[in-house]
Amino acid sequence: ISRFMSKPRYSHLQAAFRTLKYLKNVPGKGLFYVVHNPHRIQAFSNLDWATCYITRKSITGYCIFYNNYLIAWKSKKQNTISRSSIKA
């Protein structure tokens, strides 16, 4: 939803309302971590070259797991346009 803040449309407002409705209906949900030994950290990343067909900008993302529990994640459209997948 945040991707469309500069030019919002009615469909984006509807998506925001659906998200808020979901959050309202699941107030007791949360993250639950069980103690494990040994500790294990896994990290995954991905890059899609020129994913956005309008701007041709690439999207980068990663997620980090601690004992199979997701603890950090990010997805970002790059600020610049890469001419090859190596530079992306």
PDB file of N, CA and C in Angstrom:
ATOM      1  N   ILE A   1       0.833  -1.185   0.000  1.00  0.00           N
ATOM      2  CA  ILE A   1       0.000   0.000   0.000  1.00  0.00           C
ATOM      3  C   ILE A   1       0.880   1.251   0.000  1.00  0.00           C
ATOM      4  N   SER A   2       1.970   1.224   0.756  1.00  0.00           N
ATOM      5  CA  SER A   2       2.821   2.416   0.857  1.00  0.00           C
ATOM      6  C   SER A   2       3.470   2.780  -0.475  1.00  0.00           C
ATOM      7  N   ARG A   3       3.561   1.838  -1.372  1.00  0.00           N
ATOM      8  CA  ARG A   3       4.161   2.089  -2.677  1.00  0.00           C
ATOM      9  C   ARG A   3       3.363   3.118  -3.474  1.00  0.00           C
ATOM     10  N   PHE A   4       2.073   3.263  -3.163  1.00  0.00           N
ATOM     11  CA  PHE A   4       1.194   4.119  -3.952  1.00  0.00           C
ATOM     12  C   PHE A   4       0.802   5.414  -3.235  1.00  0.00           C
ATOM     13  N   MET A   5       1.582   5.850  -2.257  1.00  0.00           N
ATOM     14  CA  MET A   5       1.249   7.055  -1.498  1.00  0.00           C
ATOM     15  C   MET A   5       1.296   8.321  -2.353  1.00  0.00           C
ATOM     16  N   SER A   6       2.131   8.354  -3.375  1.00  0.00           N
ATOM     17  CA  SER A   6       2.225   9.566  -4.190  1.00  0.00           C
ATOM     18  C   SER A   6       1.038   9.729  -5.133  1.00  0.00           C
ATOM     19  N   LYS A   7       0.428   8.619  -5.550  1.00  0.00           N
ATOM     20  CA  LYS A   7      -0.739   8.677  -6.442  1.00  0.00           C
ATOM     21  C   LYS A   7      -1.789   7.669  -5.977  1.00  0.00           C
ATOM     22  N   PRO A   8      -2.398   7.906  -4.824  1.00  0.00           N
ATOM     23  CA  PRO A   8      -3.364   6.930  -4.311  1.00  0.00           C
ATOM     24  C   PRO A   8      -4.637   6.895  -5.151  1.00  0.00           C
ATOM     25  N   ARG A   9      -5.220   5.718  -5.211  1.00  0.00           N
ATOM     26  CA  ARG A   9      -6.491   5.513  -5.908  1.00  0.00           C
ATOM     27  C   ARG A   9      -7.466   4.863  -4.944  1.00  0.00           C
ATOM     28  N   TYR A  10      -8.691   4.769  -5.366  1.00  0.00           N
ATOM     29  CA  TYR A  10      -9.733   4.175  -4.529  1.00  0.00           C
ATOM     30  C   TYR A  10      -9.408   2.719  -4.185  1.00  0.00           C
ATOM     31  N   SER A  11      -8.830   1.976  -5.115  1.00  0.00           N
ATOM     32  CA  SER A  11      -8.476   0.575  -4.848  1.00  0.00           C
ATOM     33  C   SER A  11      -7.435   0.462  -3.736  1.00  0.00           C
ATOM     34  N   HIS A  12      -6.549   1.453  -3.616  1.00  0.00           N
ATOM     35  CA  HIS A  12      -5.549   1.445  -2.550  1.00  0.00           C
ATOM     36  C   HIS A  12      -6.215   1.710  -1.199  1.00  0.00           C
ATOM     37  N   LEU A  13      -7.203   2.592  -1.188  1.00  0.00           N
ATOM     38  CA  LEU A  13      -7.956   2.855   0.035  1.00  0.00           C
ATOM     39  C   LEU A  13      -8.691   1.594   0.476  1.00  0.00           C
ATOM     40  N   GLN A  14      -9.275   0.885  -0.475  1.00  0.00           N
ATOM     41  CA  GLN A  14      -9.955  -0.368  -0.149  1.00  0.00           C
ATOM     42  C   GLN A  14      -8.979  -1.384   0.438  1.00  0.00           C
ATOM     43  N   ALA A  15      -7.782  -1.470  -0.117  1.00  0.00           N
ATOM     44  CA  ALA A  15      -6.766  -2.388   0.405  1.00  0.00           C
ATOM     45  C   ALA A  15      -6.370  -2.001   1.826  1.00  0.00           C
ATOM     46  N   ALA A  16      -6.254  -0.710   2.096  1.00  0.00           N
ATOM     47  CA  ALA A  16      -5.927  -0.247   3.448  1.00  0.00           C
ATOM     48  C   ALA A  16      -7.034  -0.616   4.429  1.00  0.00           C
ATOM     49  N   PHE A  17      -8.293  -0.449   4.024  1.00  0.00           N
ATOM     50  CA  PHE A  17      -9.413  -0.820   4.893  1.00  0.00           C
ATOM     51  C   PHE A  17      -9.444  -2.323   5.156  1.00  0.00           C
ATOM     52  N   ARG A  18      -9.138  -3.133   4.136  1.00  0.00           N
ATOM     53  CA  ARG A  18      -9.087  -4.590   4.342  1.00  0.00           C
ATOM     54  C   ARG A  18      -8.001  -4.956   5.344  1.00  0.00           C
ATOM     55  N   THR A  19      -6.857  -4.286   5.244  1.00  0.00           N
ATOM     56  CA  THR A  19      -5.760  -4.543   6.179  1.00  0.00           C
ATOM     57  C   THR A  19      -6.160  -4.162   7.600  1.00  0.00           C
ATOM     58  N   LEU A  20      -6.775  -3.000   7.767  1.00  0.00           N
ATOM     59  CA  LEU A  20      -7.217  -2.564   9.096  1.00  0.00           C
ATOM     60  C   LEU A  20      -8.291  -3.488   9.660  1.00  0.00           C
ATOM     61  N   LYS A  21      -9.196  -3.957   8.818  1.00  0.00           N
ATOM     62  CA  LYS A  21     -10.238  -4.880   9.261  1.00  0.00           C
ATOM     63  C   LYS A  21      -9.616  -6.187   9.750  1.00  0.00           C
ATOM     64  N   TYR A  22      -8.623  -6.680   9.027  1.00  0.00           N
ATOM     65  CA  TYR A  22      -7.931  -7.899   9.446  1.00  0.00           C
ATOM     66  C   TYR A  22      -7.263  -7.695  10.804  1.00  0.00           C
ATOM     67  N   LEU A  23      -6.543  -6.587  10.960  1.00  0.00           N
ATOM     68  CA  LEU A  23      -5.852  -6.323  12.224  1.00  0.00           C
ATOM     69  C   LEU A  23      -6.831  -6.167  13.382  1.00  0.00           C
ATOM     70  N   LYS A  24      -7.987  -5.582  13.121  1.00  0.00           N
ATOM     71  CA  LYS A  24      -9.002  -5.412  14.160  1.00  0.00           C
ATOM     72  C   LYS A  24      -9.559  -6.761  14.614  1.00  0.00           C
ATOM     73  N   ASN A  25      -9.692  -7.706  13.687  1.00  0.00           N
ATOM     74  CA  ASN A  25     -10.288  -9.003  13.996  1.00  0.00           C
ATOM     75  C   ASN A  25      -9.317 -10.010  14.596  1.00  0.00           C
ATOM     76  N   VAL A  26      -8.039  -9.696  14.676  1.00  0.00           N
ATOM     77  CA  VAL A  26      -7.062 -10.622  15.249  1.00  0.00           C
ATOM     78  C   VAL A  26      -6.234  -9.952  16.349  1.00  0.00           C
ATOM     79  N   PRO A  27      -6.880  -9.334  17.358  1.00  0.00           N
ATOM     80  CA  PRO A  27      -6.100  -8.607  18.370  1.00  0.00           C
ATOM     81  C   PRO A  27      -5.248  -9.515  19.250  1.00  0.00           C
ATOM     82  N   GLY A  28      -5.643 -10.769  19.421  1.00  0.00           N
ATOM     83  CA  GLY A  28      -4.895 -11.678  20.284  1.00  0.00           C
ATOM     84  C   GLY A  28      -3.733 -12.362  19.603  1.00  0.00           C
ATOM     85  N   LYS A  29      -3.620 -12.193  18.312  1.00  0.00           N
ATOM     86  CA  LYS A  29      -2.525 -12.831  17.574  1.00  0.00           C
ATOM     87  C   LYS A  29      -1.231 -12.080  17.853  1.00  0.00           C
ATOM     88  N   GLY A  30      -0.146 -12.794  17.752  1.00  0.00           N
ATOM     89  CA  GLY A  30       1.148 -12.169  17.965  1.00  0.00           C
ATOM     90  C   GLY A  30       2.251 -13.134  17.600  1.00  0.00           C
ATOM     91  N   LEU A  31       3.453 -12.790  17.938  1.00  0.00           N
ATOM     92  CA  LEU A  31       4.593 -13.655  17.695  1.00  0.00           C
ATOM     93  C   LEU A  31       4.892 -14.447  18.956  1.00  0.00           C
ATOM     94  N   PHE A  32       5.083 -15.737  18.802  1.00  0.00           N
ATOM     95  CA  PHE A  32       5.352 -16.618  19.934  1.00  0.00           C
ATOM     96  C   PHE A  32       6.635 -17.375  19.648  1.00  0.00           C
ATOM     97  N   TYR A  33       7.614 -17.239  20.531  1.00  0.00           N
ATOM     98  CA  TYR A  33       8.908 -17.883  20.346  1.00  0.00           C
ATOM     99  C   TYR A  33       9.123 -18.923  21.433  1.00  0.00           C
ATOM    100  N   VAL A  34       9.468 -20.135  21.018  1.00  0.00           N
ATOM    101  CA  VAL A  34       9.758 -21.221  21.946  1.00  0.00           C
ATOM    102  C   VAL A  34      11.273 -21.318  22.088  1.00  0.00           C
ATOM    103  N   VAL A  35      11.739 -21.597  23.309  1.00  0.00           N
ATOM    104  CA  VAL A  35      13.173 -21.711  23.554  1.00  0.00           C
ATOM    105  C   VAL A  35      13.684 -23.012  22.941  1.00  0.00           C
ATOM    106  N   HIS A  36      14.738 -22.911  22.124  1.00  0.00           N
ATOM    107  CA  HIS A  36      15.363 -24.071  21.483  1.00  0.00           C
ATOM    108  C   HIS A  36      16.853 -24.053  21.769  1.00  0.00           C
ATOM    109  N   ASN A  37      17.424 -25.206  21.777  1.00  0.00           N
ATOM    110  CA  ASN A  37      18.879 -25.334  21.796  1.00  0.00           C
ATOM    111  C   ASN A  37      19.240 -26.358  20.753  1.00  0.00           C
ATOM    112  N   PRO A  38      20.212 -26.223  19.953  1.00  0.00           N
ATOM    113  CA  PRO A  38      21.088 -25.063  19.829  1.00  0.00           C
ATOM    114  C   PRO A  38      20.414 -23.936  19.043  1.00  0.00           C
ATOM    115  N   HIS A  39      20.976 -22.771  19.147  1.00  0.00           N
ATOM    116  CA  HIS A  39      20.441 -21.610  18.445  1.00  0.00           C
ATOM    117  C   HIS A  39      20.817 -21.697  16.963  1.00  0.00           C
ATOM    118  N   ARG A  40      19.875 -21.342  16.112  1.00  0.00           N
ATOM    119  CA  ARG A  40      20.120 -21.422  14.666  1.00  0.00           C
ATOM    120  C   ARG A  40      19.579 -20.163  13.987  1.00  0.00           C
ATOM    121  N   ILE A  41      20.434 -19.521  13.214  1.00  0.00           N
ATOM    122  CA  ILE A  41      20.040 -18.331  12.464  1.00  0.00           C
ATOM    123  C   ILE A  41      20.172 -18.644  10.975  1.00  0.00           C
ATOM    124  N   GLN A  42      19.119 -18.327  10.215  1.00  0.00           N
ATOM    125  CA  GLN A  42      19.134 -18.500   8.768  1.00  0.00           C
ATOM    126  C   GLN A  42      18.748 -17.174   8.127  1.00  0.00           C
ATOM    127  N   ALA A  43      19.383 -16.864   7.012  1.00  0.00           N
ATOM    128  CA  ALA A  43      19.058 -15.638   6.282  1.00  0.00           C
ATOM    129  C   ALA A  43      18.899 -15.970   4.803  1.00  0.00           C
ATOM    130  N   PHE A  44      17.904 -15.365   4.189  1.00  0.00           N
ATOM    131  CA  PHE A  44      17.631 -15.565   2.773  1.00  0.00           C
ATOM    132  C   PHE A  44      17.463 -14.201   2.116  1.00  0.00           C
ATOM    133  N   SER A  45      17.915 -14.103   0.880  1.00  0.00           N
ATOM    134  CA  SER A  45      17.733 -12.850   0.145  1.00  0.00           C
ATOM    135  C   SER A  45      17.358 -13.166  -1.300  1.00  0.00           C
ATOM    136  N   ASN A  46      16.799 -12.175  -1.954  1.00  0.00           N
ATOM    137  CA  ASN A  46      16.392 -12.349  -3.339  1.00  0.00           C
ATOM    138  C   ASN A  46      16.411 -10.991  -4.035  1.00  0.00           C
ATOM    139  N   LEU A  47      16.634 -11.031  -5.321  1.00  0.00           N
ATOM    140  CA  LEU A  47      16.645  -9.819  -6.130  1.00  0.00           C
ATOM    141  C   LEU A  47      15.942 -10.118  -7.440  1.00  0.00           C
ATOM    142  N   ASP A  48      14.991  -9.298  -7.788  1.00  0.00           N
ATOM    143  CA  ASP A  48      14.320  -9.404  -9.079  1.00  0.00           C
ATOM    144  C   ASP A  48      14.741  -8.217  -9.923  1.00  0.00           C
ATOM    145  N   TRP A  49      15.386  -8.495 -11.030  1.00  0.00           N
ATOM    146  CA  TRP A  49      15.925  -7.439 -11.886  1.00  0.00           C
ATOM    147  C   TRP A  49      14.816  -6.834 -12.732  1.00  0.00           C
ATOM    148  N   ALA A  50      14.676  -5.522 -12.672  1.00  0.00           N
ATOM    149  CA  ALA A  50      13.712  -4.750 -13.470  1.00  0.00           C
ATOM    150  C   ALA A  50      12.298  -5.300 -13.326  1.00  0.00           C
ATOM    151  N   THR A  51      11.896  -5.602 -12.098  1.00  0.00           N
ATOM    152  CA  THR A  51      10.589  -6.198 -11.832  1.00  0.00           C
ATOM    153  C   THR A  51       9.443  -5.274 -12.194  1.00  0.00           C
ATOM    154  N   CYS A  52       9.551  -4.033 -11.813  1.00  0.00           N
ATOM    155  CA  CYS A  52       8.467  -3.080 -12.065  1.00  0.00           C
ATOM    156  C   CYS A  52       8.437  -2.736 -13.556  1.00  0.00           C
ATOM    157  N   TYR A  53       7.377  -3.132 -14.236  1.00  0.00           N
ATOM    158  CA  TYR A  53       7.314  -2.919 -15.684  1.00  0.00           C
ATOM    159  C   TYR A  53       7.132  -1.449 -16.054  1.00  0.00           C
ATOM    160  N   ILE A  54       6.753  -0.629 -15.094  1.00  0.00           N
ATOM    161  CA  ILE A  54       6.571   0.797 -15.371  1.00  0.00           C
ATOM    162  C   ILE A  54       7.900   1.545 -15.250  1.00  0.00           C
ATOM    163  N   THR A  55       8.607   1.338 -14.141  1.00  0.00           N
ATOM    164  CA  THR A  55       9.851   2.075 -13.893  1.00  0.00           C
ATOM    165  C   THR A  55      11.104   1.284 -14.239  1.00  0.00           C
ATOM    166  N   ARG A  56      10.981  -0.028 -14.438  1.00  0.00           N
ATOM    167  CA  ARG A  56      12.111  -0.931 -14.706  1.00  0.00           C
ATOM    168  C   ARG A  56      13.092  -0.981 -13.539  1.00  0.00           C
ATOM    169  N   LYS A  57      12.641  -0.642 -12.348  1.00  0.00           N
ATOM    170  CA  LYS A  57      13.501  -0.709 -11.171  1.00  0.00           C
ATOM    171  C   LYS A  57      13.450  -2.114 -10.578  1.00  0.00           C
ATOM    172  N   SER A  58      14.553  -2.506  -9.956  1.00  0.00           N
ATOM    173  CA  SER A  58      14.663  -3.824  -9.343  1.00  0.00           C
ATOM    174  C   SER A  58      14.117  -3.801  -7.921  1.00  0.00           C
ATOM    175  N   ILE A  59      13.755  -4.974  -7.427  1.00  0.00           N
ATOM    176  CA  ILE A  59      13.269  -5.111  -6.059  1.00  0.00           C
ATOM    177  C   ILE A  59      14.179  -6.088  -5.321  1.00  0.00           C
ATOM    178  N   THR A  60      14.635  -5.675  -4.152  1.00  0.00           N
ATOM    179  CA  THR A  60      15.495  -6.485  -3.308  1.00  0.00           C
ATOM    180  C   THR A  60      14.741  -6.837  -2.036  1.00  0.00           C
ATOM    181  N   GLY A  61      14.974  -8.038  -1.533  1.00  0.00           N
ATOM    182  CA  GLY A  61      14.321  -8.421  -0.291  1.00  0.00           C
ATOM    183  C   GLY A  61      15.158  -9.411   0.497  1.00  0.00           C
ATOM    184  N   TYR A  62      14.907  -9.456   1.800  1.00  0.00           N
ATOM    185  CA  TYR A  62      15.570 -10.450   2.635  1.00  0.00           C
ATOM    186  C   TYR A  62      14.671 -10.809   3.809  1.00  0.00           C
ATOM    187  N   CYS A  63      14.945 -11.955   4.404  1.00  0.00           N
ATOM    188  CA  CYS A  63      14.283 -12.348   5.647  1.00  0.00           C
ATOM    189  C   CYS A  63      15.280 -13.128   6.493  1.00  0.00           C
ATOM    190  N   ILE A  64      15.182 -12.955   7.799  1.00  0.00           N
ATOM    191  CA  ILE A  64      16.081 -13.608   8.746  1.00  0.00           C
ATOM    192  C   ILE A  64      15.241 -14.403   9.734  1.00  0.00           C
ATOM    193  N   PHE A  65      15.638 -15.659   9.932  1.00  0.00           N
ATOM    194  CA  PHE A  65      14.939 -16.555  10.844  1.00  0.00           C
ATOM    195  C   PHE A  65      15.844 -16.917  12.013  1.00  0.00           C
ATOM    196  N   TYR A  66      15.265 -16.981  13.196  1.00  0.00           N
ATOM    197  CA  TYR A  66      15.948 -17.467  14.393  1.00  0.00           C
ATOM    198  C   TYR A  66      15.160 -18.681  14.878  1.00  0.00           C
ATOM    199  N   ASN A  67      15.783 -19.853  14.825  1.00  0.00           N
ATOM    200  CA  ASN A  67      15.113 -21.113  15.181  1.00  0.00           C
ATOM    201  C   ASN A  67      13.775 -21.261  14.451  1.00  0.00           C
ATOM    202  N   ASN A  68      13.786 -21.021  13.154  1.00  0.00           N
ATOM    203  CA  ASN A  68      12.609 -21.139  12.278  1.00  0.00           C
ATOM    204  C   ASN A  68      11.535 -20.091  12.533  1.00  0.00           C
ATOM    205  N   TYR A  69      11.820 -19.064  13.323  1.00  0.00           N
ATOM    206  CA  TYR A  69      10.873 -17.973  13.558  1.00  0.00           C
ATOM    207  C   TYR A  69      11.368 -16.732  12.823  1.00  0.00           C
ATOM    208  N   LEU A  70      10.495 -16.130  12.056  1.00  0.00           N
ATOM    209  CA  LEU A  70      10.856 -14.925  11.314  1.00  0.00           C
ATOM    210  C   LEU A  70      11.049 -13.762  12.287  1.00  0.00           C
ATOM    211  N   ILE A  71      12.242 -13.155  12.268  1.00  0.00           N
ATOM    212  CA  ILE A  71      12.522 -12.056  13.198  1.00  0.00           C
ATOM    213  C   ILE A  71      12.796 -10.735  12.488  1.00  0.00           C
ATOM    214  N   ALA A  72      13.150 -10.777  11.194  1.00  0.00           N
ATOM    215  CA  ALA A  72      13.411  -9.533  10.457  1.00  0.00           C
ATOM    216  C   ALA A  72      13.163  -9.772   8.976  1.00  0.00           C
ATOM    217  N   TRP A  73      12.658  -8.742   8.298  1.00  0.00           N
ATOM    218  CA  TRP A  73      12.416  -8.853   6.865  1.00  0.00           C
ATOM    219  C   TRP A  73      12.357  -7.460   6.261  1.00  0.00           C
ATOM    220  N   LYS A  74      12.614  -7.402   4.977  1.00  0.00           N
ATOM    221  CA  LYS A  74      12.530  -6.124   4.270  1.00  0.00           C
ATOM    222  C   LYS A  74      12.401  -6.392   2.777  1.00  0.00           C
ATOM    223  N   SER A  75      11.645  -5.559   2.120  1.00  0.00           N
ATOM    224  CA  SER A  75      11.508  -5.586   0.671  1.00  0.00           C
ATOM    225  C   SER A  75      11.548  -4.139   0.203  1.00  0.00           C
ATOM    226  N   LYS A  76      12.381  -3.862  -0.794  1.00  0.00           N
ATOM    227  CA  LYS A  76      12.553  -2.473  -1.211  1.00  0.00           C
ATOM    228  C   LYS A  76      12.762  -2.378  -2.714  1.00  0.00           C
ATOM    229  N   LYS A  77      12.085  -1.410  -3.310  1.00  0.00           N
ATOM    230  CA  LYS A  77      12.338  -1.094  -4.717  1.00  0.00           C
ATOM    231  C   LYS A  77      13.572  -0.203  -4.759  1.00  0.00           C
ATOM    232  N   GLN A  78      14.523  -0.536  -5.607  1.00  0.00           N
ATOM    233  CA  GLN A  78      15.767   0.209  -5.685  1.00  0.00           C
ATOM    234  C   GLN A  78      15.533   1.621  -6.219  1.00  0.00           C
ATOM    235  N   ASN A  79      16.380   2.558  -5.802  1.00  0.00           N
ATOM    236  CA  ASN A  79      16.250   3.958  -6.212  1.00  0.00           C
ATOM    237  C   ASN A  79      16.718   4.205  -7.645  1.00  0.00           C
ATOM    238  N   THR A  80      17.632   3.359  -8.120  1.00  0.00           N
ATOM    239  CA  THR A  80      18.193   3.556  -9.455  1.00  0.00           C
ATOM    240  C   THR A  80      17.789   2.417 -10.381  1.00  0.00           C
ATOM    241  N   ILE A  81      17.945   2.632 -11.667  1.00  0.00           N
ATOM    242  CA  ILE A  81      17.639   1.612 -12.671  1.00  0.00           C
ATOM    243  C   ILE A  81      18.947   0.958 -13.098  1.00  0.00           C
ATOM    244  N   SER A  82      18.999  -0.374 -13.020  1.00  0.00           N
ATOM    245  CA  SER A  82      20.191  -1.117 -13.424  1.00  0.00           C
ATOM    246  C   SER A  82      20.042  -1.591 -14.861  1.00  0.00           C
ATOM    247  N   ARG A  83      21.121  -1.518 -15.602  1.00  0.00           N
ATOM    248  CA  ARG A  83      21.075  -1.947 -17.003  1.00  0.00           C
ATOM    249  C   ARG A  83      21.373  -3.431 -17.163  1.00  0.00           C
ATOM    250  N   SER A  84      21.835  -4.077 -16.104  1.00  0.00           N
ATOM    251  CA  SER A  84      22.072  -5.521 -16.162  1.00  0.00           C
ATOM    252  C   SER A  84      21.785  -6.118 -14.799  1.00  0.00           C
ATOM    253  N   SER A  85      21.578  -7.432 -14.768  1.00  0.00           N
ATOM    254  CA  SER A  85      21.276  -8.097 -13.496  1.00  0.00           C
ATOM    255  C   SER A  85      22.487  -8.127 -12.576  1.00  0.00           C
ATOM    256  N   ILE A  86      23.688  -8.031 -13.107  1.00  0.00           N
ATOM    257  CA  ILE A  86      24.895  -8.022 -12.277  1.00  0.00           C
ATOM    258  C   ILE A  86      24.966  -6.742 -11.453  1.00  0.00           C
ATOM    259  N   LYS A  87      24.583  -5.608 -12.036  1.00  0.00           N
ATOM    260  CA  LYS A  87      24.625  -4.332 -11.328  1.00  0.00           C
ATOM    261  C   LYS A  87      23.442  -4.144 -10.389  1.00  0.00           C
ATOM    262  N   ALA A  88      22.374  -4.909 -10.603  1.00  0.00           N
ATOM    263  CA  ALA A  88      21.182  -4.768  -9.768  1.00  0.00           C
ATOM    264  C   ALA A  88      21.497  -5.182  -8.364  1.00  0.00           C
TER     265      ALA A  88
END
